Amino acid sequence: MKEITFTREELYSLVWKQSLNDLSEQLEVTQQRLKDVCQEYNIPLPDRGYWTKVRFNKKITKTPLAKVGNRNIKINLALDSKKI
């Protein structure tokens, strides 16, 4: 099993650049694992329909990342071929 580490800001950036489906495949974790980690670290996710709006150049709203006390938070995602 290998691990990959992100800051909150890095993970926030990733979940707003591509769909959870695509990101979960890229990172080899389940979508639910990504959702759970984002919820645990107070990282907002795009609303339902966000990627459809992006595809059709509709107006979108990106939820800002809330500030937290410890800016040095490291998030570890355990990666393996079995998908956690």
PDB file of N, CA and C in Angstrom:
ATOM      1  N   MET A   1       0.849  -1.170   0.000  1.00  0.00           N
ATOM      2  CA  MET A   1       0.000   0.000   0.000  1.00  0.00           C
ATOM      3  C   MET A   1       0.900   1.239   0.000  1.00  0.00           C
ATOM      4  N   LYS A   2       0.596   2.187  -0.853  1.00  0.00           N
ATOM      5  CA  LYS A   2       1.344   3.429  -0.837  1.00  0.00           C
ATOM      6  C   LYS A   2       0.421   4.557  -0.405  1.00  0.00           C
ATOM      7  N   GLU A   3       1.022   5.636   0.031  1.00  0.00           N
ATOM      8  CA  GLU A   3       0.246   6.770   0.507  1.00  0.00           C
ATOM      9  C   GLU A   3       0.582   8.003  -0.314  1.00  0.00           C
ATOM     10  N   ILE A   4      -0.367   8.898  -0.389  1.00  0.00           N
ATOM     11  CA  ILE A   4      -0.141  10.181  -1.028  1.00  0.00           C
ATOM     12  C   ILE A   4      -0.642  11.242  -0.055  1.00  0.00           C
ATOM     13  N   THR A   5       0.100  12.317   0.081  1.00  0.00           N
ATOM     14  CA  THR A   5      -0.222  13.347   1.058  1.00  0.00           C
ATOM     15  C   THR A   5      -0.551  14.654   0.353  1.00  0.00           C
ATOM     16  N   PHE A   6      -1.595  15.305   0.838  1.00  0.00           N
ATOM     17  CA  PHE A   6      -2.039  16.588   0.317  1.00  0.00           C
ATOM     18  C   PHE A   6      -2.194  17.571   1.462  1.00  0.00           C
ATOM     19  N   THR A   7      -2.079  18.848   1.151  1.00  0.00           N
ATOM     20  CA  THR A   7      -2.544  19.867   2.082  1.00  0.00           C
ATOM     21  C   THR A   7      -4.030  20.050   1.794  1.00  0.00           C
ATOM     22  N   ARG A   8      -4.735  20.738   2.677  1.00  0.00           N
ATOM     23  CA  ARG A   8      -6.148  21.024   2.425  1.00  0.00           C
ATOM     24  C   ARG A   8      -6.303  21.798   1.122  1.00  0.00           C
ATOM     25  N   GLU A   9      -5.423  22.764   0.899  1.00  0.00           N
ATOM     26  CA  GLU A   9      -5.509  23.600  -0.285  1.00  0.00           C
ATOM     27  C   GLU A   9      -5.297  22.786  -1.561  1.00  0.00           C
ATOM     28  N   GLU A  10      -4.366  21.848  -1.529  1.00  0.00           N
ATOM     29  CA  GLU A  10      -4.100  21.008  -2.701  1.00  0.00           C
ATOM     30  C   GLU A  10      -5.294  20.119  -3.024  1.00  0.00           C
ATOM     31  N   LEU A  11      -5.868  19.491  -1.992  1.00  0.00           N
ATOM     32  CA  LEU A  11      -7.020  18.619  -2.225  1.00  0.00           C
ATOM     33  C   LEU A  11      -8.224  19.436  -2.692  1.00  0.00           C
ATOM     34  N   TYR A  12      -8.431  20.602  -2.103  1.00  0.00           N
ATOM     35  CA  TYR A  12      -9.505  21.501  -2.532  1.00  0.00           C
ATOM     36  C   TYR A  12      -9.348  21.828  -4.015  1.00  0.00           C
ATOM     37  N   SER A  13      -8.151  22.173  -4.411  1.00  0.00           N
ATOM     38  CA  SER A  13      -7.888  22.502  -5.809  1.00  0.00           C
ATOM     39  C   SER A  13      -8.204  21.326  -6.728  1.00  0.00           C
ATOM     40  N   LEU A  14      -7.829  20.133  -6.325  1.00  0.00           N
ATOM     41  CA  LEU A  14      -8.072  18.941  -7.150  1.00  0.00           C
ATOM     42  C   LEU A  14      -9.555  18.637  -7.317  1.00  0.00           C
ATOM     43  N   VAL A  15     -10.330  18.732  -6.228  1.00  0.00           N
ATOM     44  CA  VAL A  15     -11.754  18.372  -6.335  1.00  0.00           C
ATOM     45  C   VAL A  15     -12.549  19.411  -7.115  1.00  0.00           C
ATOM     46  N   TRP A  16     -11.988  20.610  -7.314  1.00  0.00           N
ATOM     47  CA  TRP A  16     -12.666  21.627  -8.112  1.00  0.00           C
ATOM     48  C   TRP A  16     -12.138  21.690  -9.539  1.00  0.00           C
ATOM     49  N   LYS A  17     -11.106  20.897  -9.854  1.00  0.00           N
ATOM     50  CA  LYS A  17     -10.577  20.860 -11.221  1.00  0.00           C
ATOM     51  C   LYS A  17     -11.131  19.706 -12.037  1.00  0.00           C
ATOM     52  N   GLN A  18     -11.599  18.655 -11.358  1.00  0.00           N
ATOM     53  CA  GLN A  18     -12.143  17.496 -12.064  1.00  0.00           C
ATOM     54  C   GLN A  18     -13.171  16.805 -11.194  1.00  0.00           C
ATOM     55  N   SER A  19     -13.994  16.002 -11.817  1.00  0.00           N
ATOM     56  CA  SER A  19     -15.063  15.329 -11.085  1.00  0.00           C
ATOM     57  C   SER A  19     -14.486  14.335 -10.079  1.00  0.00           C
ATOM     58  N   LEU A  20     -15.267  14.042  -9.048  1.00  0.00           N
ATOM     59  CA  LEU A  20     -14.828  13.058  -8.053  1.00  0.00           C
ATOM     60  C   LEU A  20     -14.613  11.703  -8.697  1.00  0.00           C
ATOM     61  N   ASN A  21     -15.423  11.376  -9.688  1.00  0.00           N
ATOM     62  CA  ASN A  21     -15.263  10.110 -10.388  1.00  0.00           C
ATOM     63  C   ASN A  21     -13.883  10.027 -11.040  1.00  0.00           C
ATOM     64  N   ASP A  22     -13.518  11.060 -11.783  1.00  0.00           N
ATOM     65  CA  ASP A  22     -12.212  11.081 -12.447  1.00  0.00           C
ATOM     66  C   ASP A  22     -11.072  11.110 -11.439  1.00  0.00           C
ATOM     67  N   LEU A  23     -11.213  11.919 -10.409  1.00  0.00           N
ATOM     68  CA  LEU A  23     -10.158  12.040  -9.400  1.00  0.00           C
ATOM     69  C   LEU A  23      -9.988  10.736  -8.624  1.00  0.00           C
ATOM     70  N   SER A  24     -11.087  10.090  -8.292  1.00  0.00           N
ATOM     71  CA  SER A  24     -10.986   8.826  -7.545  1.00  0.00           C
ATOM     72  C   SER A  24     -10.289   7.757  -8.377  1.00  0.00           C
ATOM     73  N   GLU A  25     -10.553   7.731  -9.678  1.00  0.00           N
ATOM     74  CA  GLU A  25      -9.856   6.779 -10.551  1.00  0.00           C
ATOM     75  C   GLU A  25      -8.365   7.103 -10.625  1.00  0.00           C
ATOM     76  N   GLN A  26      -8.054   8.364 -10.740  1.00  0.00           N
ATOM     77  CA  GLN A  26      -6.661   8.791 -10.822  1.00  0.00           C
ATOM     78  C   GLN A  26      -5.894   8.446  -9.542  1.00  0.00           C
ATOM     79  N   LEU A  27      -6.534   8.657  -8.381  1.00  0.00           N
ATOM     80  CA  LEU A  27      -5.877   8.406  -7.100  1.00  0.00           C
ATOM     81  C   LEU A  27      -6.039   6.973  -6.602  1.00  0.00           C
ATOM     82  N   GLU A  28      -6.867   6.201  -7.297  1.00  0.00           N
ATOM     83  CA  GLU A  28      -7.137   4.804  -6.958  1.00  0.00           C
ATOM     84  C   GLU A  28      -7.762   4.644  -5.571  1.00  0.00           C
ATOM     85  N   VAL A  29      -8.725   5.505  -5.284  1.00  0.00           N
ATOM     86  CA  VAL A  29      -9.545   5.399  -4.081  1.00  0.00           C
ATOM     87  C   VAL A  29     -10.998   5.537  -4.509  1.00  0.00           C
ATOM     88  N   THR A  30     -11.899   5.169  -3.635  1.00  0.00           N
ATOM     89  CA  THR A  30     -13.317   5.279  -3.984  1.00  0.00           C
ATOM     90  C   THR A  30     -13.779   6.726  -3.870  1.00  0.00           C
ATOM     91  N   GLN A  31     -14.860   7.026  -4.582  1.00  0.00           N
ATOM     92  CA  GLN A  31     -15.461   8.353  -4.471  1.00  0.00           C
ATOM     93  C   GLN A  31     -15.904   8.612  -3.037  1.00  0.00           C
ATOM     94  N   GLN A  32     -16.433   7.589  -2.398  1.00  0.00           N
ATOM     95  CA  GLN A  32     -16.894   7.754  -1.020  1.00  0.00           C
ATOM     96  C   GLN A  32     -15.734   8.099  -0.094  1.00  0.00           C
ATOM     97  N   ARG A  33     -14.573   7.500  -0.316  1.00  0.00           N
ATOM     98  CA  ARG A  33     -13.382   7.822   0.494  1.00  0.00           C
ATOM     99  C   ARG A  33     -13.023   9.301   0.321  1.00  0.00           C
ATOM    100  N   LEU A  34     -13.043   9.787  -0.912  1.00  0.00           N
ATOM    101  CA  LEU A  34     -12.755  11.201  -1.158  1.00  0.00           C
ATOM    102  C   LEU A  34     -13.783  12.104  -0.477  1.00  0.00           C
ATOM    103  N   LYS A  35     -15.054  11.758  -0.590  1.00  0.00           N
ATOM    104  CA  LYS A  35     -16.108  12.541   0.047  1.00  0.00           C
ATOM    105  C   LYS A  35     -15.907  12.582   1.554  1.00  0.00           C
ATOM    106  N   ASP A  36     -15.610  11.432   2.145  1.00  0.00           N
ATOM    107  CA  ASP A  36     -15.422  11.346   3.590  1.00  0.00           C
ATOM    108  C   ASP A  36     -14.239  12.193   4.051  1.00  0.00           C
ATOM    109  N   VAL A  37     -13.142  12.123   3.323  1.00  0.00           N
ATOM    110  CA  VAL A  37     -11.950  12.898   3.674  1.00  0.00           C
ATOM    111  C   VAL A  37     -12.246  14.392   3.555  1.00  0.00           C
ATOM    112  N   CYS A  38     -12.917  14.780   2.486  1.00  0.00           N
ATOM    113  CA  CYS A  38     -13.255  16.194   2.310  1.00  0.00           C
ATOM    114  C   CYS A  38     -14.170  16.677   3.431  1.00  0.00           C
ATOM    115  N   GLN A  39     -15.123  15.866   3.807  1.00  0.00           N
ATOM    116  CA  GLN A  39     -16.025  16.237   4.896  1.00  0.00           C
ATOM    117  C   GLN A  39     -15.249  16.342   6.211  1.00  0.00           C
ATOM    118  N   GLU A  40     -14.365  15.402   6.467  1.00  0.00           N
ATOM    119  CA  GLU A  40     -13.584  15.398   7.700  1.00  0.00           C
ATOM    120  C   GLU A  40     -12.713  16.651   7.829  1.00  0.00           C
ATOM    121  N   TYR A  41     -12.165  17.119   6.713  1.00  0.00           N
ATOM    122  CA  TYR A  41     -11.264  18.271   6.733  1.00  0.00           C
ATOM    123  C   TYR A  41     -11.934  19.574   6.277  1.00  0.00           C
ATOM    124  N   ASN A  42     -13.263  19.555   6.245  1.00  0.00           N
ATOM    125  CA  ASN A  42     -14.040  20.746   5.906  1.00  0.00           C
ATOM    126  C   ASN A  42     -13.637  21.334   4.545  1.00  0.00           C
ATOM    127  N   ILE A  43     -13.554  20.453   3.555  1.00  0.00           N
ATOM    128  CA  ILE A  43     -13.247  20.857   2.186  1.00  0.00           C
ATOM    129  C   ILE A  43     -14.540  20.769   1.379  1.00  0.00           C
ATOM    130  N   PRO A  44     -15.047  21.912   0.893  1.00  0.00           N
ATOM    131  CA  PRO A  44     -16.310  21.884   0.144  1.00  0.00           C
ATOM    132  C   PRO A  44     -16.151  21.186  -1.204  1.00  0.00           C
ATOM    133  N   LEU A  45     -17.213  20.532  -1.613  1.00  0.00           N
ATOM    134  CA  LEU A  45     -17.247  19.840  -2.906  1.00  0.00           C
ATOM    135  C   LEU A  45     -18.210  20.556  -3.841  1.00  0.00           C
ATOM    136  N   PRO A  46     -18.002  20.418  -5.148  1.00  0.00           N
ATOM    137  CA  PRO A  46     -18.951  21.006  -6.095  1.00  0.00           C
ATOM    138  C   PRO A  46     -20.344  20.408  -5.912  1.00  0.00           C
ATOM    139  N   ASP A  47     -21.349  21.254  -6.097  1.00  0.00           N
ATOM    140  CA  ASP A  47     -22.737  20.800  -5.990  1.00  0.00           C
ATOM    141  C   ASP A  47     -23.079  19.872  -7.132  1.00  0.00           C
ATOM    142  N   ARG A  48     -24.154  19.146  -6.943  1.00  0.00           N
ATOM    143  CA  ARG A  48     -24.672  18.283  -8.002  1.00  0.00           C
ATOM    144  C   ARG A  48     -24.975  19.136  -9.235  1.00  0.00           C
ATOM    145  N   GLY A  49     -24.542  18.691 -10.389  1.00  0.00           N
ATOM    146  CA  GLY A  49     -24.781  19.413 -11.629  1.00  0.00           C
ATOM    147  C   GLY A  49     -23.681  20.414 -11.980  1.00  0.00           C
ATOM    148  N   TYR A  50     -22.716  20.586 -11.101  1.00  0.00           N
ATOM    149  CA  TYR A  50     -21.636  21.550 -11.321  1.00  0.00           C
ATOM    150  C   TYR A  50     -20.892  21.271 -12.620  1.00  0.00           C
ATOM    151  N   TRP A  51     -20.513  20.004 -12.853  1.00  0.00           N
ATOM    152  CA  TRP A  51     -19.710  19.669 -14.032  1.00  0.00           C
ATOM    153  C   TRP A  51     -20.513  19.783 -15.322  1.00  0.00           C
ATOM    154  N   THR A  52     -21.821  19.594 -15.248  1.00  0.00           N
ATOM    155  CA  THR A  52     -22.670  19.811 -16.416  1.00  0.00           C
ATOM    156  C   THR A  52     -22.698  21.293 -16.764  1.00  0.00           C
ATOM    157  N   LYS A  53     -22.803  22.135 -15.749  1.00  0.00           N
ATOM    158  CA  LYS A  53     -22.768  23.579 -15.980  1.00  0.00           C
ATOM    159  C   LYS A  53     -21.431  23.995 -16.584  1.00  0.00           C
ATOM    160  N   VAL A  54     -20.362  23.443 -16.078  1.00  0.00           N
ATOM    161  CA  VAL A  54     -19.034  23.753 -16.622  1.00  0.00           C
ATOM    162  C   VAL A  54     -18.976  23.361 -18.090  1.00  0.00           C
ATOM    163  N   ARG A  55     -19.461  22.163 -18.402  1.00  0.00           N
ATOM    164  CA  ARG A  55     -19.422  21.654 -19.776  1.00  0.00           C
ATOM    165  C   ARG A  55     -20.181  22.558 -20.735  1.00  0.00           C
ATOM    166  N   PHE A  56     -21.273  23.160 -20.263  1.00  0.00           N
ATOM    167  CA  PHE A  56     -22.101  23.997 -21.132  1.00  0.00           C
ATOM    168  C   PHE A  56     -21.880  25.495 -20.904  1.00  0.00           C
ATOM    169  N   ASN A  57     -20.749  25.824 -20.291  1.00  0.00           N
ATOM    170  CA  ASN A  57     -20.356  27.225 -20.063  1.00  0.00           C
ATOM    171  C   ASN A  57     -21.417  28.044 -19.347  1.00  0.00           C
ATOM    172  N   LYS A  58     -22.097  27.429 -18.395  1.00  0.00           N
ATOM    173  CA  LYS A  58     -23.080  28.140 -17.580  1.00  0.00           C
ATOM    174  C   LYS A  58     -22.368  28.806 -16.395  1.00  0.00           C
ATOM    175  N   LYS A  59     -23.060  29.732 -15.763  1.00  0.00           N
ATOM    176  CA  LYS A  59     -22.505  30.413 -14.597  1.00  0.00           C
ATOM    177  C   LYS A  59     -22.349  29.405 -13.460  1.00  0.00           C
ATOM    178  N   ILE A  60     -21.174  29.395 -12.860  1.00  0.00           N
ATOM    179  CA  ILE A  60     -20.903  28.480 -11.761  1.00  0.00           C
ATOM    180  C   ILE A  60     -20.405  29.260 -10.554  1.00  0.00           C
ATOM    181  N   THR A  61     -20.625  28.682  -9.398  1.00  0.00           N
ATOM    182  CA  THR A  61     -20.157  29.282  -8.162  1.00  0.00           C
ATOM    183  C   THR A  61     -19.262  28.279  -7.458  1.00  0.00           C
ATOM    184  N   LYS A  62     -18.047  28.695  -7.171  1.00  0.00           N
ATOM    185  CA  LYS A  62     -17.090  27.853  -6.471  1.00  0.00           C
ATOM    186  C   LYS A  62     -17.113  28.226  -5.000  1.00  0.00           C
ATOM    187  N   THR A  63     -17.431  27.257  -4.153  1.00  0.00           N
ATOM    188  CA  THR A  63     -17.467  27.496  -2.722  1.00  0.00           C
ATOM    189  C   THR A  63     -16.045  27.671  -2.206  1.00  0.00           C
ATOM    190  N   PRO A  64     -15.763  28.782  -1.538  1.00  0.00           N
ATOM    191  CA  PRO A  64     -14.390  29.009  -1.063  1.00  0.00           C
ATOM    192  C   PRO A  64     -14.014  28.049   0.068  1.00  0.00           C
ATOM    193  N   LEU A  65     -12.730  27.819   0.190  1.00  0.00           N
ATOM    194  CA  LEU A  65     -12.199  26.975   1.257  1.00  0.00           C
ATOM    195  C   LEU A  65     -12.156  27.789   2.542  1.00  0.00           C
ATOM    196  N   ALA A  66     -12.826  27.297   3.569  1.00  0.00           N
ATOM    197  CA  ALA A  66     -12.844  27.991   4.862  1.00  0.00           C
ATOM    198  C   ALA A  66     -11.474  27.919   5.522  1.00  0.00           C
ATOM    199  N   LYS A  67     -11.140  28.964   6.233  1.00  0.00           N
ATOM    200  CA  LYS A  67      -9.879  29.000   6.968  1.00  0.00           C
ATOM    201  C   LYS A  67      -9.997  28.115   8.202  1.00  0.00           C
ATOM    202  N   VAL A  68      -8.888  27.477   8.555  1.00  0.00           N
ATOM    203  CA  VAL A  68      -8.832  26.684   9.780  1.00  0.00           C
ATOM    204  C   VAL A  68      -7.624  27.149  10.582  1.00  0.00           C
ATOM    205  N   GLY A  69      -7.604  26.813  11.852  1.00  0.00           N
ATOM    206  CA  GLY A  69      -6.528  27.265  12.719  1.00  0.00           C
ATOM    207  C   GLY A  69      -5.160  26.764  12.311  1.00  0.00           C
ATOM    208  N   ASN A  70      -5.030  25.482  12.023  1.00  0.00           N
ATOM    209  CA  ASN A  70      -3.736  24.902  11.676  1.00  0.00           C
ATOM    210  C   ASN A  70      -3.588  24.860  10.160  1.00  0.00           C
ATOM    211  N   ARG A  71      -2.755  25.721   9.611  1.00  0.00           N
ATOM    212  CA  ARG A  71      -2.576  25.786   8.153  1.00  0.00           C
ATOM    213  C   ARG A  71      -1.678  24.678   7.626  1.00  0.00           C
ATOM    214  N   ASN A  72      -1.042  23.914   8.509  1.00  0.00           N
ATOM    215  CA  ASN A  72      -0.106  22.879   8.079  1.00  0.00           C
ATOM    216  C   ASN A  72      -0.711  21.484   8.111  1.00  0.00           C
ATOM    217  N   ILE A  73      -2.021  21.399   7.981  1.00  0.00           N
ATOM    218  CA  ILE A  73      -2.692  20.096   8.001  1.00  0.00           C
ATOM    219  C   ILE A  73      -2.256  19.285   6.790  1.00  0.00           C
ATOM    220  N   LYS A  74      -1.875  18.043   7.034  1.00  0.00           N
ATOM    221  CA  LYS A  74      -1.515  17.115   5.963  1.00  0.00           C
ATOM    222  C   LYS A  74      -2.571  16.019   5.928  1.00  0.00           C
ATOM    223  N   ILE A  75      -3.049  15.718   4.735  1.00  0.00           N
ATOM    224  CA  ILE A  75      -4.087  14.705   4.544  1.00  0.00           C
ATOM    225  C   ILE A  75      -3.460  13.538   3.812  1.00  0.00           C
ATOM    226  N   ASN A  76      -3.508  12.364   4.426  1.00  0.00           N
ATOM    227  CA  ASN A  76      -2.955  11.157   3.811  1.00  0.00           C
ATOM    228  C   ASN A  76      -4.073  10.299   3.239  1.00  0.00           C
ATOM    229  N   LEU A  77      -3.937   9.955   1.987  1.00  0.00           N
ATOM    230  CA  LEU A  77      -4.851   9.000   1.361  1.00  0.00           C
ATOM    231  C   LEU A  77      -4.044   7.729   1.119  1.00  0.00           C
ATOM    232  N   ALA A  78      -4.472   6.637   1.697  1.00  0.00           N
ATOM    233  CA  ALA A  78      -3.808   5.368   1.455  1.00  0.00           C
ATOM    234  C   ALA A  78      -4.248   4.855   0.097  1.00  0.00           C
ATOM    235  N   LEU A  79      -3.283   4.479  -0.713  1.00  0.00           N
ATOM    236  CA  LEU A  79      -3.573   4.024  -2.066  1.00  0.00           C
ATOM    237  C   LEU A  79      -3.150   2.576  -2.248  1.00  0.00           C
ATOM    238  N   ASP A  80      -4.030   1.805  -2.820  1.00  0.00           N
ATOM    239  CA  ASP A  80      -3.637   0.461  -3.259  1.00  0.00           C
ATOM    240  C   ASP A  80      -4.564   0.035  -4.366  1.00  0.00           C
ATOM    241  N   SER A  81      -4.224  -1.053  -5.008  1.00  0.00           N
ATOM    242  CA  SER A  81      -4.962  -1.476  -6.190  1.00  0.00           C
ATOM    243  C   SER A  81      -6.374  -1.979  -5.853  1.00  0.00           C
ATOM    244  N   LYS A  82      -6.649  -2.303  -4.583  1.00  0.00           N
ATOM    245  CA  LYS A  82      -7.946  -2.820  -4.208  1.00  0.00           C
ATOM    246  C   LYS A  82      -8.975  -1.717  -4.002  1.00  0.00           C
ATOM    247  N   LYS A  83      -8.575  -0.471  -4.014  1.00  0.00           N
ATOM    248  CA  LYS A  83      -9.439   0.677  -3.707  1.00  0.00           C
ATOM    249  C   LYS A  83     -10.012   0.552  -2.318  1.00  0.00           C
ATOM    250  N   ILE A  84      -9.634   1.437  -1.491  1.00  0.00           N
ATOM    251  CA  ILE A  84     -10.043   1.431  -0.084  1.00  0.00           C
ATOM    252  C   ILE A  84     -11.528   1.723   0.027  1.00  0.00           C
TER     253      ILE A  84
END
